[in-house]
Amino acid sequence: HFQRFSKYKMAVKVVAEAPFGPGDTKKNLELAIMGEQFEVDQMYPAY
């Protein structure tokens, strides 16, 4: 994604959603699933 900006010289404000709040491995897997599910169901299809 970053390399797609190689022809530009500009500042970019980045807004990204991410699940936060690390915990034990079980919780961390649940957080990872939340993030991946968002990317698969919403983010990348729209992009």
All heavy atoms as atom14 arrays in JSON, in Angstrom:
{
  "sequence": "HFQRFSKYKMAVKVVAEAPFGPGDTKKNLELAIMGEQFEVDQMYPAY",
  "atom14_mask": [
    [1, 1, 1, 1, 1, 1, 1, 1, 1, 1, 0, 0, 0, 0],
    [1, 1, 1, 1, 1, 1, 1, 1, 1, 1, 1, 0, 0, 0],
    [1, 1, 1, 1, 1, 1, 1, 1, 1, 0, 0, 0, 0, 0],
    [1, 1, 1, 1, 1, 1, 1, 1, 1, 1, 1, 0, 0, 0],
    [1, 1, 1, 1, 1, 1, 1, 1, 1, 1, 1, 0, 0, 0],
    [1, 1, 1, 1, 1, 1, 0, 0, 0, 0, 0, 0, 0, 0],
    [1, 1, 1, 1, 1, 1, 1, 1, 1, 0, 0, 0, 0, 0],
    [1, 1, 1, 1, 1, 1, 1, 1, 1, 1, 1, 1, 0, 0],
    [1, 1, 1, 1, 1, 1, 1, 1, 1, 0, 0, 0, 0, 0],
    [1, 1, 1, 1, 1, 1, 1, 1, 0, 0, 0, 0, 0, 0],
    [1, 1, 1, 1, 1, 0, 0, 0, 0, 0, 0, 0, 0, 0],
    [1, 1, 1, 1, 1, 1, 1, 0, 0, 0, 0, 0, 0, 0],
    [1, 1, 1, 1, 1, 1, 1, 1, 1, 0, 0, 0, 0, 0],
    [1, 1, 1, 1, 1, 1, 1, 0, 0, 0, 0, 0, 0, 0],
    [1, 1, 1, 1, 1, 1, 1, 0, 0, 0, 0, 0, 0, 0],
    [1, 1, 1, 1, 1, 0, 0, 0, 0, 0, 0, 0, 0, 0],
    [1, 1, 1, 1, 1, 1, 1, 1, 1, 0, 0, 0, 0, 0],
    [1, 1, 1, 1, 1, 0, 0, 0, 0, 0, 0, 0, 0, 0],
    [1, 1, 1, 1, 1, 1, 1, 0, 0, 0, 0, 0, 0, 0],
    [1, 1, 1, 1, 1, 1, 1, 1, 1, 1, 1, 0, 0, 0],
    [1, 1, 1, 1, 0, 0, 0, 0, 0, 0, 0, 0, 0, 0],
    [1, 1, 1, 1, 1, 1, 1, 0, 0, 0, 0, 0, 0, 0],
    [1, 1, 1, 1, 0, 0, 0, 0, 0, 0, 0, 0, 0, 0],
    [1, 1, 1, 1, 1, 1, 1, 1, 0, 0, 0, 0, 0, 0],
    [1, 1, 1, 1, 1, 1, 1, 0, 0, 0, 0, 0, 0, 0],
    [1, 1, 1, 1, 1, 1, 1, 1, 1, 0, 0, 0, 0, 0],
    [1, 1, 1, 1, 1, 1, 1, 1, 1, 0, 0, 0, 0, 0],
    [1, 1, 1, 1, 1, 1, 1, 1, 0, 0, 0, 0, 0, 0],
    [1, 1, 1, 1, 1, 1, 1, 1, 0, 0, 0, 0, 0, 0],
    [1, 1, 1, 1, 1, 1, 1, 1, 1, 0, 0, 0, 0, 0],
    [1, 1, 1, 1, 1, 1, 1, 1, 0, 0, 0, 0, 0, 0],
    [1, 1, 1, 1, 1, 0, 0, 0, 0, 0, 0, 0, 0, 0],
    [1, 1, 1, 1, 1, 1, 1, 1, 0, 0, 0, 0, 0, 0],
    [1, 1, 1, 1, 1, 1, 1, 1, 0, 0, 0, 0, 0, 0],
    [1, 1, 1, 1, 0, 0, 0, 0, 0, 0, 0, 0, 0, 0],
    [1, 1, 1, 1, 1, 1, 1, 1, 1, 0, 0, 0, 0, 0],
    [1, 1, 1, 1, 1, 1, 1, 1, 1, 0, 0, 0, 0, 0],
    [1, 1, 1, 1, 1, 1, 1, 1, 1, 1, 1, 0, 0, 0],
    [1, 1, 1, 1, 1, 1, 1, 1, 1, 0, 0, 0, 0, 0],
    [1, 1, 1, 1, 1, 1, 1, 0, 0, 0, 0, 0, 0, 0],
    [1, 1, 1, 1, 1, 1, 1, 1, 0, 0, 0, 0, 0, 0],
    [1, 1, 1, 1, 1, 1, 1, 1, 1, 0, 0, 0, 0, 0],
    [1, 1, 1, 1, 1, 1, 1, 1, 0, 0, 0, 0, 0, 0],
    [1, 1, 1, 1, 1, 1, 1, 1, 1, 1, 1, 1, 0, 0],
    [1, 1, 1, 1, 1, 1, 1, 0, 0, 0, 0, 0, 0, 0],
    [1, 1, 1, 1, 1, 0, 0, 0, 0, 0, 0, 0, 0, 0],
    [1, 1, 1, 1, 1, 1, 1, 1, 1, 1, 1, 1, 0, 0]
  ],
  "atom14_positions": [
    [[0.83, -1.2, 0.0], [0.0, 0.0, 0.0], [0.87, 1.26, 0.0], [0.62, 2.2, -0.74], [-0.94, 0.02, 1.2], [-1.88, -1.15, 1.29], [-2.39, -1.82, 0.2], [-2.41, -1.77, 2.37], [-3.19, -2.79, 0.6], [-3.23, -2.78, 1.91], [0.0, 0.0, 0.0], [0.0, 0.0, 0.0], [0.0, 0.0, 0.0], [0.0, 0.0, 0.0]],
    [[1.9, 1.26, 0.82], [2.8, 2.41, 0.95], [3.5, 2.71, -0.37], [3.64, 3.88, -0.75], [3.83, 2.12, 2.06], [4.72, 3.27, 2.4], [4.23, 4.36, 3.11], [6.05, 3.27, 2.05], [5.06, 5.42, 3.45], [6.88, 4.32, 2.38], [6.39, 5.4, 3.09], [0.0, 0.0, 0.0], [0.0, 0.0, 0.0], [0.0, 0.0, 0.0]],
    [[3.94, 1.68, -1.07], [4.66, 1.88, -2.33], [3.8, 2.53, -3.41], [4.33, 3.12, -4.35], [5.24, 0.56, -2.83], [6.42, 0.11, -2.02], [6.95, -1.24, -2.46], [6.25, -2.04, -3.07], [8.21, -1.5, -2.13], [0.0, 0.0, 0.0], [0.0, 0.0, 0.0], [0.0, 0.0, 0.0], [0.0, 0.0, 0.0], [0.0, 0.0, 0.0]],
    [[2.5, 2.47, -3.28], [1.62, 3.09, -4.26], [1.72, 4.61, -4.19], [1.24, 5.31, -5.06], [0.17, 2.65, -4.07], [-0.06, 1.15, -4.17], [0.42, 0.61, -5.52], [0.23, -0.82, -5.62], [1.22, -1.71, -5.61], [2.47, -1.34, -5.46], [0.96, -2.98, -5.74], [0.0, 0.0, 0.0], [0.0, 0.0, 0.0], [0.0, 0.0, 0.0]],
    [[2.37, 5.13, -3.15], [2.53, 6.58, -2.98], [3.91, 7.05, -3.46], [4.26, 8.21, -3.26], [2.35, 6.97, -1.51], [0.92, 6.97, -1.06], [0.37, 5.84, -0.49], [0.11, 8.09, -1.22], [-0.96, 5.81, -0.1], [-1.21, 8.08, -0.82], [-1.75, 6.93, -0.27], [0.0, 0.0, 0.0], [0.0, 0.0, 0.0], [0.0, 0.0, 0.0]],
    [[4.69, 6.2, -4.1], [6.07, 6.55, -4.44], [6.2, 7.77, -5.36], [7.21, 8.45, -5.33], [6.78, 5.34, -5.06], [6.17, 5.01, -6.3], [0.0, 0.0, 0.0], [0.0, 0.0, 0.0], [0.0, 0.0, 0.0], [0.0, 0.0, 0.0], [0.0, 0.0, 0.0], [0.0, 0.0, 0.0], [0.0, 0.0, 0.0], [0.0, 0.0, 0.0]],
    [[5.18, 8.05, -6.15], [5.29, 9.2, -7.06], [4.88, 10.52, -6.4], [4.96, 11.58, -7.0], [4.46, 8.97, -8.32], [2.98, 8.82, -8.1], [2.27, 8.5, -9.4], [0.8, 8.22, -9.14], [0.11, 7.79, -10.32], [0.0, 0.0, 0.0], [0.0, 0.0, 0.0], [0.0, 0.0, 0.0], [0.0, 0.0, 0.0], [0.0, 0.0, 0.0]],
    [[4.46, 10.45, -5.15], [3.99, 11.65, -4.44], [5.01, 12.12, -3.41], [5.84, 11.36, -2.94], [2.67, 11.37, -3.72], [1.57, 10.93, -4.64], [1.2, 9.6, -4.71], [0.91, 11.85, -5.45], [0.18, 9.19, -5.56], [-0.11, 11.44, -6.31], [-0.45, 10.11, -6.36], [-1.45, 9.7, -7.2], [0.0, 0.0, 0.0], [0.0, 0.0, 0.0]],
    [[4.9, 13.38, -3.08], [5.67, 13.96, -1.98], [4.67, 14.81, -1.2], [4.41, 15.96, -1.56], [6.83, 14.81, -2.5], [7.7, 15.37, -1.4], [8.86, 16.17, -1.99], [9.73, 16.72, -0.89], [10.83, 17.52, -1.44], [0.0, 0.0, 0.0], [0.0, 0.0, 0.0], [0.0, 0.0, 0.0], [0.0, 0.0, 0.0], [0.0, 0.0, 0.0]],
    [[4.08, 14.19, -0.18], [3.03, 14.87, 0.55], [2.84, 14.23, 1.92], [3.25, 13.1, 2.15], [1.71, 14.79, -0.22], [1.24, 13.38, -0.45], [-0.14, 13.4, -1.61], [-0.85, 11.82, -1.26], [0.0, 0.0, 0.0], [0.0, 0.0, 0.0], [0.0, 0.0, 0.0], [0.0, 0.0, 0.0], [0.0, 0.0, 0.0], [0.0, 0.0, 0.0]],
    [[2.24, 14.95, 2.8], [1.87, 14.42, 4.11], [0.48, 13.8, 3.98], [-0.37, 14.32, 3.27], [1.86, 15.53, 5.15], [0.0, 0.0, 0.0], [0.0, 0.0, 0.0], [0.0, 0.0, 0.0], [0.0, 0.0, 0.0], [0.0, 0.0, 0.0], [0.0, 0.0, 0.0], [0.0, 0.0, 0.0], [0.0, 0.0, 0.0], [0.0, 0.0, 0.0]],
    [[0.3, 12.69, 4.64], [-0.97, 11.99, 4.58], [-1.44, 11.71, 6.0], [-0.67, 11.22, 6.83], [-0.84, 10.66, 3.81], [-2.13, 9.87, 3.85], [-0.41, 10.91, 2.38], [0.0, 0.0, 0.0], [0.0, 0.0, 0.0], [0.0, 0.0, 0.0], [0.0, 0.0, 0.0], [0.0, 0.0, 0.0], [0.0, 0.0, 0.0], [0.0, 0.0, 0.0]],
    [[-2.68, 12.03, 6.27], [-3.28, 11.7, 7.55], [-3.89, 10.31, 7.43], [-4.7, 10.06, 6.53], [-4.35, 12.72, 7.93], [-4.92, 12.51, 9.3], [-5.89, 13.63, 9.63], [-6.17, 13.62, 11.11], [-6.95, 14.8, 11.5], [0.0, 0.0, 0.0], [0.0, 0.0, 0.0], [0.0, 0.0, 0.0], [0.0, 0.0, 0.0], [0.0, 0.0, 0.0]],
    [[-3.51, 9.43, 8.32], [-3.96, 8.05, 8.26], [-5.03, 7.82, 9.32], [-4.81, 8.09, 10.5], [-2.78, 7.07, 8.47], [-3.27, 5.65, 8.53], [-1.76, 7.26, 7.38], [0.0, 0.0, 0.0], [0.0, 0.0, 0.0], [0.0, 0.0, 0.0], [0.0, 0.0, 0.0], [0.0, 0.0, 0.0], [0.0, 0.0, 0.0], [0.0, 0.0, 0.0]],
    [[-6.17, 7.33, 8.87], [-7.26, 6.97, 9.77], [-7.51, 5.48, 9.56], [-7.81, 5.05, 8.46], [-8.54, 7.77, 9.46], [-9.67, 7.35, 10.38], [-8.28, 9.26, 9.55], [0.0, 0.0, 0.0], [0.0, 0.0, 0.0], [0.0, 0.0, 0.0], [0.0, 0.0, 0.0], [0.0, 0.0, 0.0], [0.0, 0.0, 0.0], [0.0, 0.0, 0.0]],
    [[-7.33, 4.69, 10.61], [-7.51, 3.25, 10.49], [-8.17, 2.7, 11.74], [-7.88, 3.14, 12.85], [-6.16, 2.58, 10.27], [0.0, 0.0, 0.0], [0.0, 0.0, 0.0], [0.0, 0.0, 0.0], [0.0, 0.0, 0.0], [0.0, 0.0, 0.0], [0.0, 0.0, 0.0], [0.0, 0.0, 0.0], [0.0, 0.0, 0.0], [0.0, 0.0, 0.0]],
    [[-9.07, 1.75, 11.53], [-9.73, 1.1, 12.65], [-8.94, -0.13, 13.05], [-8.45, -0.86, 12.2], [-11.14, 0.69, 12.24], [-11.91, 0.01, 13.35], [-13.32, -0.32, 12.95], [-13.98, 0.51, 12.31], [-13.77, -1.43, 13.28], [0.0, 0.0, 0.0], [0.0, 0.0, 0.0], [0.0, 0.0, 0.0], [0.0, 0.0, 0.0], [0.0, 0.0, 0.0]],
    [[-8.82, -0.36, 14.36], [-8.13, -1.55, 14.83], [-8.63, -1.91, 16.22], [-8.86, -1.03, 17.05], [-6.61, -1.29, 14.89], [0.0, 0.0, 0.0], [0.0, 0.0, 0.0], [0.0, 0.0, 0.0], [0.0, 0.0, 0.0], [0.0, 0.0, 0.0], [0.0, 0.0, 0.0], [0.0, 0.0, 0.0], [0.0, 0.0, 0.0], [0.0, 0.0, 0.0]],
    [[-8.81, -3.21, 16.47], [-9.21, -3.63, 17.82], [-8.03, -3.52, 18.78], [-6.93, -3.97, 18.47], [-9.64, -5.09, 17.63], [-8.98, -5.54, 16.38], [-8.75, -4.32, 15.54], [0.0, 0.0, 0.0], [0.0, 0.0, 0.0], [0.0, 0.0, 0.0], [0.0, 0.0, 0.0], [0.0, 0.0, 0.0], [0.0, 0.0, 0.0], [0.0, 0.0, 0.0]],
    [[-8.25, -2.88, 19.91], [-7.19, -2.66, 20.89], [-7.52, -3.35, 22.21], [-8.66, -3.72, 22.45], [-6.98, -1.16, 21.14], [-6.02, -0.53, 20.18], [-6.4, -0.23, 18.89], [-4.72, -0.25, 20.58], [-5.52, 0.35, 18.0], [-3.82, 0.33, 19.69], [-4.23, 0.63, 18.4], [0.0, 0.0, 0.0], [0.0, 0.0, 0.0], [0.0, 0.0, 0.0]],
    [[-6.54, -3.47, 23.06], [-6.72, -4.02, 24.39], [-6.12, -5.39, 24.54], [-6.85, -6.36, 24.75], [0.0, 0.0, 0.0], [0.0, 0.0, 0.0], [0.0, 0.0, 0.0], [0.0, 0.0, 0.0], [0.0, 0.0, 0.0], [0.0, 0.0, 0.0], [0.0, 0.0, 0.0], [0.0, 0.0, 0.0], [0.0, 0.0, 0.0], [0.0, 0.0, 0.0]],
    [[-4.8, -5.53, 24.4], [-4.2, -6.86, 24.47], [-4.47, -7.54, 25.81], [-4.65, -6.89, 26.82], [-2.7, -6.59, 24.27], [-2.52, -5.17, 24.69], [-3.8, -4.48, 24.33], [0.0, 0.0, 0.0], [0.0, 0.0, 0.0], [0.0, 0.0, 0.0], [0.0, 0.0, 0.0], [0.0, 0.0, 0.0], [0.0, 0.0, 0.0], [0.0, 0.0, 0.0]],
    [[-4.49, -8.85, 25.76], [-4.72, -9.63, 26.96], [-3.99, -10.95, 26.86], [-2.88, -11.02, 26.33], [0.0, 0.0, 0.0], [0.0, 0.0, 0.0], [0.0, 0.0, 0.0], [0.0, 0.0, 0.0], [0.0, 0.0, 0.0], [0.0, 0.0, 0.0], [0.0, 0.0, 0.0], [0.0, 0.0, 0.0], [0.0, 0.0, 0.0], [0.0, 0.0, 0.0]],
    [[-4.64, -12.0, 27.29], [-4.04, -13.32, 27.15], [-4.19, -13.79, 25.7], [-4.82, -13.12, 24.88], [-4.64, -14.31, 28.16], [-6.13, -14.56, 27.95], [-6.7, -14.13, 26.93], [-6.73, -15.21, 28.82], [0.0, 0.0, 0.0], [0.0, 0.0, 0.0], [0.0, 0.0, 0.0], [0.0, 0.0, 0.0], [0.0, 0.0, 0.0], [0.0, 0.0, 0.0]],
    [[-3.65, -14.95, 25.4], [-3.64, -15.43, 24.01], [-5.05, -15.62, 23.47], [-5.31, -15.3, 22.31], [-2.82, -16.72, 23.9], [-1.47, -16.42, 24.31], [-2.79, -17.27, 22.5], [0.0, 0.0, 0.0], [0.0, 0.0, 0.0], [0.0, 0.0, 0.0], [0.0, 0.0, 0.0], [0.0, 0.0, 0.0], [0.0, 0.0, 0.0], [0.0, 0.0, 0.0]],
    [[-5.95, -16.12, 24.29], [-7.34, -16.31, 23.83], [-7.94, -14.96, 23.43], [-8.51, -14.83, 22.34], [-8.18, -16.96, 24.92], [-9.6, -17.23, 24.5], [-10.37, -17.96, 25.61], [-11.77, -18.31, 25.18], [-12.71, -17.22, 25.24], [0.0, 0.0, 0.0], [0.0, 0.0, 0.0], [0.0, 0.0, 0.0], [0.0, 0.0, 0.0], [0.0, 0.0, 0.0]],
    [[-7.82, -13.96, 24.27], [-8.35, -12.63, 23.95], [-7.65, -12.05, 22.72], [-8.3, -11.45, 21.85], [-8.19, -11.68, 25.13], [-8.73, -10.28, 24.84], [-8.54, -9.32, 25.99], [-9.01, -7.92, 25.59], [-8.7, -6.94, 26.61], [0.0, 0.0, 0.0], [0.0, 0.0, 0.0], [0.0, 0.0, 0.0], [0.0, 0.0, 0.0], [0.0, 0.0, 0.0]],
    [[-6.35, -12.24, 22.61], [-5.61, -11.7, 21.47], [-6.05, -12.35, 20.16], [-6.13, -11.67, 19.13], [-4.11, -11.85, 21.69], [-3.62, -10.99, 22.84], [-4.29, -10.05, 23.26], [-2.46, -11.32, 23.36], [0.0, 0.0, 0.0], [0.0, 0.0, 0.0], [0.0, 0.0, 0.0], [0.0, 0.0, 0.0], [0.0, 0.0, 0.0], [0.0, 0.0, 0.0]],
    [[-6.36, -13.64, 20.19], [-6.89, -14.29, 19.0], [-8.27, -13.73, 18.65], [-8.59, -13.52, 17.49], [-6.95, -15.81, 19.19], [-5.61, -16.52, 19.07], [-5.71, -17.94, 19.64], [-5.12, -16.55, 17.64], [0.0, 0.0, 0.0], [0.0, 0.0, 0.0], [0.0, 0.0, 0.0], [0.0, 0.0, 0.0], [0.0, 0.0, 0.0], [0.0, 0.0, 0.0]],
    [[-9.08, -13.48, 19.68], [-10.4, -12.88, 19.43], [-10.26, -11.5, 18.81], [-11.0, -11.14, 17.89], [-11.2, -12.82, 20.74], [-11.61, -14.19, 21.25], [-12.12, -14.2, 22.68], [-11.94, -13.17, 23.41], [-12.68, -15.23, 23.09], [0.0, 0.0, 0.0], [0.0, 0.0, 0.0], [0.0, 0.0, 0.0], [0.0, 0.0, 0.0], [0.0, 0.0, 0.0]],
    [[-9.3, -10.71, 19.29], [-9.04, -9.39, 18.71], [-8.57, -9.51, 17.26], [-8.99, -8.74, 16.39], [-8.01, -8.62, 19.54], [-8.45, -8.16, 20.92], [-7.25, -7.63, 21.7], [-9.54, -7.11, 20.83], [0.0, 0.0, 0.0], [0.0, 0.0, 0.0], [0.0, 0.0, 0.0], [0.0, 0.0, 0.0], [0.0, 0.0, 0.0], [0.0, 0.0, 0.0]],
    [[-7.67, -10.47, 17.02], [-7.16, -10.68, 15.65], [-8.31, -11.07, 14.72], [-8.39, -10.58, 13.59], [-6.07, -11.75, 15.66], [0.0, 0.0, 0.0], [0.0, 0.0, 0.0], [0.0, 0.0, 0.0], [0.0, 0.0, 0.0], [0.0, 0.0, 0.0], [0.0, 0.0, 0.0], [0.0, 0.0, 0.0], [0.0, 0.0, 0.0], [0.0, 0.0, 0.0]],
    [[-9.2, -11.93, 15.19], [-10.34, -12.35, 14.39], [-11.23, -11.14, 14.08], [-11.69, -10.98, 12.94], [-11.12, -13.48, 15.09], [-10.28, -14.77, 15.06], [-12.49, -13.69, 14.45], [-10.78, -15.87, 15.98], [0.0, 0.0, 0.0], [0.0, 0.0, 0.0], [0.0, 0.0, 0.0], [0.0, 0.0, 0.0], [0.0, 0.0, 0.0], [0.0, 0.0, 0.0]],
    [[-11.46, -10.29, 15.07], [-12.27, -9.08, 14.85], [-11.67, -8.23, 13.73], [-12.38, -7.76, 12.83], [-12.34, -8.24, 16.12], [-13.24, -8.77, 17.19], [-13.09, -7.82, 18.75], [-13.43, -6.16, 18.22], [0.0, 0.0, 0.0], [0.0, 0.0, 0.0], [0.0, 0.0, 0.0], [0.0, 0.0, 0.0], [0.0, 0.0, 0.0], [0.0, 0.0, 0.0]],
    [[-10.36, -8.01, 13.8], [-9.69, -7.19, 12.79], [-9.74, -7.81, 11.4], [-10.04, -7.13, 10.41], [0.0, 0.0, 0.0], [0.0, 0.0, 0.0], [0.0, 0.0, 0.0], [0.0, 0.0, 0.0], [0.0, 0.0, 0.0], [0.0, 0.0, 0.0], [0.0, 0.0, 0.0], [0.0, 0.0, 0.0], [0.0, 0.0, 0.0], [0.0, 0.0, 0.0]],
    [[-9.45, -9.1, 11.33], [-9.46, -9.79, 10.03], [-10.87, -9.84, 9.45], [-11.06, -9.66, 8.25], [-8.88, -11.2, 10.16], [-7.46, -11.27, 10.67], [-6.43, -10.65, 9.76], [-6.56, -10.76, 8.52], [-5.47, -10.04, 10.28], [0.0, 0.0, 0.0], [0.0, 0.0, 0.0], [0.0, 0.0, 0.0], [0.0, 0.0, 0.0], [0.0, 0.0, 0.0]],
    [[-11.86, -10.08, 10.32], [-13.26, -10.13, 9.87], [-13.68, -8.79, 9.26], [-14.33, -8.75, 8.22], [-14.18, -10.49, 11.04], [-15.57, -10.91, 10.62], [-15.6, -12.33, 10.1], [-15.23, -13.26, 10.81], [-16.04, -12.52, 8.88], [0.0, 0.0, 0.0], [0.0, 0.0, 0.0], [0.0, 0.0, 0.0], [0.0, 0.0, 0.0], [0.0, 0.0, 0.0]],
    [[-13.29, -7.7, 9.91], [-13.59, -6.37, 9.39], [-12.96, -6.17, 8.01], [-13.6, -5.67, 7.08], [-13.09, -5.29, 10.36], [-13.14, -3.9, 9.81], [-14.35, -3.22, 9.68], [-11.97, -3.25, 9.42], [-14.4, -1.93, 9.15], [-12.02, -1.97, 8.89], [-13.23, -1.31, 8.76], [0.0, 0.0, 0.0], [0.0, 0.0, 0.0], [0.0, 0.0, 0.0]],
    [[-11.71, -6.58, 7.86], [-11.03, -6.41, 6.58], [-11.69, -7.24, 5.48], [-11.82, -6.77, 4.34], [-9.56, -6.79, 6.7], [-8.75, -5.81, 7.51], [-7.31, -6.24, 7.69], [-6.98, -7.43, 7.58], [-6.49, -5.34, 7.96], [0.0, 0.0, 0.0], [0.0, 0.0, 0.0], [0.0, 0.0, 0.0], [0.0, 0.0, 0.0], [0.0, 0.0, 0.0]],
    [[-12.09, -8.47, 5.81], [-12.68, -9.37, 4.82], [-14.11, -8.98, 4.47], [-14.51, -9.01, 3.31], [-12.63, -10.83, 5.35], [-13.49, -11.76, 4.51], [-11.18, -11.32, 5.38], [0.0, 0.0, 0.0], [0.0, 0.0, 0.0], [0.0, 0.0, 0.0], [0.0, 0.0, 0.0], [0.0, 0.0, 0.0], [0.0, 0.0, 0.0], [0.0, 0.0, 0.0]],
    [[-14.9, -8.61, 5.47], [-16.32, -8.32, 5.23], [-16.58, -6.91, 4.74], [-17.53, -6.68, 3.99], [-17.14, -8.53, 6.51], [-17.23, -9.98, 6.92], [-16.9, -10.88, 6.11], [-17.62, -10.24, 8.08], [0.0, 0.0, 0.0], [0.0, 0.0, 0.0], [0.0, 0.0, 0.0], [0.0, 0.0, 0.0], [0.0, 0.0, 0.0], [0.0, 0.0, 0.0]],
    [[-15.78, -5.95, 5.19], [-16.1, -4.56, 4.9], [-14.99, -3.8, 4.18], [-15.22, -3.24, 3.1], [-16.43, -3.83, 6.21], [-17.66, -4.38, 6.91], [-17.94, -3.65, 8.2], [-17.88, -2.42, 8.25], [-18.24, -4.4, 9.24], [0.0, 0.0, 0.0], [0.0, 0.0, 0.0], [0.0, 0.0, 0.0], [0.0, 0.0, 0.0], [0.0, 0.0, 0.0]],
    [[-13.82, -3.74, 4.79], [-12.79, -2.83, 4.31], [-12.32, -3.14, 2.89], [-12.45, -2.3, 1.99], [-11.59, -2.83, 5.28], [-10.56, -1.78, 4.94], [-9.21, -1.77, 6.14], [-8.03, -2.79, 5.29], [0.0, 0.0, 0.0], [0.0, 0.0, 0.0], [0.0, 0.0, 0.0], [0.0, 0.0, 0.0], [0.0, 0.0, 0.0], [0.0, 0.0, 0.0]],
    [[-11.75, -4.34, 2.69], [-11.17, -4.61, 1.38], [-12.21, -4.74, 0.26], [-11.94, -4.27, -0.86], [-10.2, -5.78, 1.43], [-8.86, -5.35, 1.97], [-8.33, -5.92, 3.12], [-8.13, -4.34, 1.36], [-7.11, -5.49, 3.64], [-6.91, -3.9, 1.86], [-6.4, -4.49, 3.0], [-5.2, -4.06, 3.49], [0.0, 0.0, 0.0], [0.0, 0.0, 0.0]],
    [[-13.39, -5.31, 0.49], [-14.37, -5.28, -0.6], [-14.71, -3.84, -1.05], [-14.8, -3.57, -2.25], [-15.59, -5.99, -0.01], [-15.02, -6.92, 1.01], [-13.85, -6.15, 1.61], [0.0, 0.0, 0.0], [0.0, 0.0, 0.0], [0.0, 0.0, 0.0], [0.0, 0.0, 0.0], [0.0, 0.0, 0.0], [0.0, 0.0, 0.0], [0.0, 0.0, 0.0]],
    [[-14.88, -2.94, -0.09], [-15.19, -1.55, -0.43], [-14.01, -0.88, -1.12], [-14.18, -0.18, -2.14], [-15.56, -0.76, 0.83], [0.0, 0.0, 0.0], [0.0, 0.0, 0.0], [0.0, 0.0, 0.0], [0.0, 0.0, 0.0], [0.0, 0.0, 0.0], [0.0, 0.0, 0.0], [0.0, 0.0, 0.0], [0.0, 0.0, 0.0], [0.0, 0.0, 0.0]],
    [[-12.8, -1.08, -0.6], [-11.62, -0.47, -1.21], [-11.39, -0.99, -2.62], [-10.97, -0.24, -3.52], [-10.38, -0.71, -0.34], [-10.33, 0.07, 0.95], [-9.26, -0.1, 1.83], [-11.34, 0.96, 1.33], [-9.19, 0.61, 3.02], [-11.27, 1.66, 2.52], [-10.19, 1.48, 3.36], [-10.13, 2.17, 4.54], [0.0, 0.0, 0.0], [0.0, 0.0, 0.0]]
  ]
}
